[in-house]
Protein backbone atom coordinates (compact mmCIF):
# COMPACT_ATOMS: atom_id res chain seq x y z
CA MET A 1 8.11 -16.87 13.61
CA THR A 2 6.99 -16.50 9.97
CA LYS A 3 5.25 -18.91 7.62
CA GLU A 4 3.77 -18.44 4.16
CA VAL A 5 0.04 -19.19 4.19
CA PHE A 6 -0.98 -18.15 0.66
CA GLU A 7 0.66 -17.45 -2.69
CA CYS A 8 -0.64 -16.29 -6.07
CA PRO A 9 1.00 -14.56 -9.06
CA TRP A 10 0.44 -11.08 -7.55
CA PHE A 11 1.27 -11.49 -3.86
CA ARG A 12 2.11 -13.78 -0.95
CA VAL A 13 0.61 -13.74 2.54
CA HIS A 14 2.83 -14.46 5.53
CA GLU A 15 1.59 -15.24 9.03
CA GLU A 16 3.91 -13.88 11.72
CA THR A 17 3.94 -14.10 15.49
CA TRP A 18 5.80 -11.54 17.57
CA ASP A 19 7.04 -12.38 21.07
CA GLU A 20 8.60 -9.01 21.80
CA LEU A 21 5.56 -6.81 21.02
CA SER A 22 3.17 -6.90 23.94
CA ASP A 23 0.30 -5.26 22.04
CA LEU A 24 0.26 -8.19 19.58
CA ASP A 25 0.46 -10.68 22.47
CA ARG A 26 1.58 -13.60 20.28
CA ARG A 27 -1.55 -13.30 18.12
CA PRO A 28 -0.90 -13.95 14.43
CA PHE A 29 -0.32 -10.97 12.18
CA TYR A 30 -0.71 -11.26 8.41
CA ARG A 31 1.71 -9.44 6.11
CA ILE A 32 1.16 -9.13 2.36
CA GLU A 33 4.31 -9.24 0.26
CA SER A 34 4.23 -8.13 -3.38
CA SER A 35 6.45 -6.50 -5.96
CA ASP A 36 7.37 -2.88 -5.52
CA GLY A 37 5.42 -0.53 -7.74
CA VAL A 38 5.30 2.79 -9.53
CA LEU A 39 2.71 5.55 -9.68
CA VAL A 40 2.95 8.15 -12.45
CA LEU A 41 1.52 11.67 -12.46
CA ALA A 42 1.54 12.24 -16.23
CA ILE A 43 0.95 15.60 -17.90
CA THR A 44 0.75 16.29 -21.64
CA ARG A 45 2.47 19.13 -23.47
CA ASN A 46 -0.93 20.86 -23.36
CA GLU A 47 -0.89 20.60 -19.54
CA GLU A 48 -3.62 17.99 -19.36
CA PHE A 49 -3.52 15.22 -16.77
CA ILE A 50 -3.41 11.70 -18.23
CA LEU A 51 -5.61 9.29 -16.30
CA VAL A 52 -6.93 5.81 -16.97
CA ARG A 53 -10.34 4.32 -16.36
CA GLN A 54 -10.03 0.60 -15.82
CA PHE A 55 -12.04 -2.21 -14.32
CA ARG A 56 -10.92 -3.28 -10.83
CA PRO A 57 -12.19 -6.77 -9.94
CA ALA A 58 -11.78 -6.17 -6.18
CA LEU A 59 -14.26 -3.28 -6.39
CA ARG A 60 -16.35 -4.91 -9.15
CA ARG A 61 -16.36 -1.67 -11.13
CA SER A 62 -14.18 0.74 -13.05
CA THR A 63 -12.09 3.43 -11.38
CA ILE A 64 -10.23 6.51 -12.59
CA GLU A 65 -6.59 6.64 -11.55
CA PHE A 66 -3.06 7.62 -12.47
CA PRO A 67 -1.04 5.11 -14.52
CA ALA A 68 0.57 2.64 -12.12
CA GLY A 69 1.82 -0.90 -11.81
CA SER A 70 4.36 -3.36 -10.52
CA ILE A 71 8.09 -3.24 -11.12
CA GLU A 72 9.07 -6.36 -13.04
CA GLU A 73 12.11 -8.45 -12.11
CA GLY A 74 15.31 -6.86 -13.43
CA GLU A 75 13.59 -3.53 -14.08
CA THR A 76 14.44 -0.22 -12.42
CA PRO A 77 11.63 1.93 -11.01
CA ALA A 78 12.16 4.48 -13.81
CA GLU A 79 11.97 1.76 -16.48
CA ALA A 80 8.75 0.48 -14.90
CA ALA A 81 7.26 4.00 -14.88
CA VAL A 82 8.04 4.46 -18.59
CA ARG A 83 6.62 1.01 -19.41
CA GLU A 84 3.44 1.44 -17.34
CA LEU A 85 2.74 4.88 -18.83
CA LEU A 86 3.12 3.50 -22.35
CA GLU A 87 1.17 0.28 -21.69
CA GLU A 88 -1.74 1.93 -19.94
CA THR A 89 -2.05 5.16 -21.94
CA GLY A 90 0.01 4.90 -25.12
CA TYR A 91 1.92 8.06 -24.08
CA ARG A 92 5.67 8.61 -23.77
CA ALA A 93 7.14 11.09 -21.31
CA GLY A 94 9.30 13.97 -22.49
CA THR A 95 10.82 14.12 -19.01
CA LEU A 96 10.52 11.74 -16.09
CA ARG A 97 11.32 12.76 -12.54
CA LEU A 98 11.39 10.61 -9.40
CA LEU A 99 9.61 12.58 -6.68
CA GLY A 100 10.04 10.08 -3.86
CA SER A 101 9.13 6.65 -2.60
CA GLY A 102 7.36 5.15 0.34
CA HIS A 103 4.72 2.70 1.46
CA MET A 104 1.05 3.09 0.62
CA MET A 105 -0.41 0.77 3.26
CA MET A 106 2.10 0.23 6.04
CA ASN A 107 -0.29 -1.77 8.19
CA ARG A 108 -0.17 -4.90 5.98
CA TYR A 109 1.84 -4.38 2.79
CA SER A 110 5.62 -4.49 2.56
CA ALA A 111 5.88 -3.16 -1.02
CA ARG A 112 7.60 0.17 -1.71
CA ASP A 113 6.02 2.47 -4.29
CA TYR A 114 8.03 4.94 -6.36
CA LEU A 115 6.32 8.19 -7.26
CA PHE A 116 7.12 9.76 -10.63
CA MET A 117 6.11 12.85 -12.53
CA ALA A 118 6.10 12.56 -16.33
CA GLN A 119 5.90 15.88 -18.18
CA ASP A 120 5.62 16.87 -21.84
CA CYS A 121 3.95 13.54 -22.57
CA GLN A 122 2.90 12.84 -26.14
CA LEU A 123 1.63 10.00 -28.25
CA PRO A 124 4.37 8.41 -30.36
CA PRO A 125 3.78 8.08 -34.14
CA GLN A 126 3.07 4.37 -33.73
CA THR A 127 0.76 4.37 -30.71
CA PRO A 128 0.44 0.91 -29.10
CA ASN A 129 -3.00 -0.58 -28.64
CA VAL A 130 -4.25 0.13 -25.10
CA PRO A 131 -6.98 -2.47 -24.40
CA ASP A 132 -9.36 -2.85 -21.47
CA GLN A 133 -9.20 0.74 -20.28
CA ASP A 134 -9.99 4.28 -21.33
CA VAL A 135 -7.45 7.08 -21.40
CA LEU A 136 -8.74 10.40 -20.08
CA LEU A 137 -7.14 13.80 -20.65
CA LEU A 138 -8.31 16.33 -18.09
CA SER A 139 -7.52 20.00 -17.73
CA PRO A 140 -6.47 21.14 -14.24
CA PRO A 141 -10.00 22.47 -13.45
CA GLU A 142 -11.55 19.20 -14.70
CA PHE A 143 -9.16 17.15 -12.54
CA LYS A 144 -9.95 19.29 -9.50
CA ALA A 145 -13.68 18.83 -10.11
CA LEU A 146 -13.20 15.06 -10.43
CA VAL A 147 -11.31 14.89 -7.12
CA THR A 148 -13.63 17.19 -5.15
CA SER A 149 -16.76 15.41 -6.44
CA GLY A 150 -15.49 12.03 -5.20
CA GLY A 151 -14.91 10.66 -8.70
CA PHE A 152 -11.19 10.10 -8.08
CA GLU A 153 -10.97 7.51 -5.31
CA HIS A 154 -7.31 6.51 -5.46
CA ILE A 155 -6.46 8.41 -2.28
CA PRO A 156 -2.73 7.46 -2.15
CA ALA A 157 -2.33 9.04 -5.60
CA LEU A 158 -3.27 12.42 -4.15
CA SER A 159 -0.10 12.34 -2.06
CA LEU A 160 1.84 12.12 -5.33
CA PHE A 161 -0.01 15.18 -6.57
CA SER A 162 0.85 17.15 -3.39
CA LEU A 163 4.48 16.02 -3.51
CA ALA A 164 4.75 17.22 -7.12
CA GLU A 165 3.39 20.65 -6.21
CA TRP A 166 5.73 21.00 -3.23
CA GLN A 167 8.81 19.97 -5.21
CA LEU A 168 7.95 22.17 -8.18
CA GLY A 169 7.15 25.09 -5.91
CA SER A 170 4.03 25.86 -7.92
CA ARG A 171 0.43 24.77 -8.05
CA LEU A 172 -0.66 22.26 -10.67
CA VAL A 173 -4.35 23.00 -10.10
CA VAL A 174 -5.76 26.38 -9.11
């Protein structure tokens, strides 16, 4: 049995009870339903990683992460990746490649995330205003130092990085 117990513009929470799963023993389980999303590993023509620093209310502080966001109604994952990259960084991709898709937090969230790699990114002549966040351009050694020092906390994004290296057959950071 399923019933909606909370709704807001970003997600809905459903309470479910499972008769056929003995380990749940009819206790309520809460599933979070939200829009599918995109995560973009963006690299400039100069082989710099494009990251954003933005305030995250849930953590009450700013974080450094790859451009990402929700897929809007009627939008394809690729269109969302292009839009999010432009909105969050002001950059346009020369090439955009879908690397895969999957679920970031399978224990509670039903959303599917699409993982993209954007290469040869550059600022268009008329760069849109990118408020409320900072755009960072990091060389591969700088990105590696950020990750290994604990300054890059978006752990699911690192799977995108590994997937990109495996599909390209070459290392992005040495």
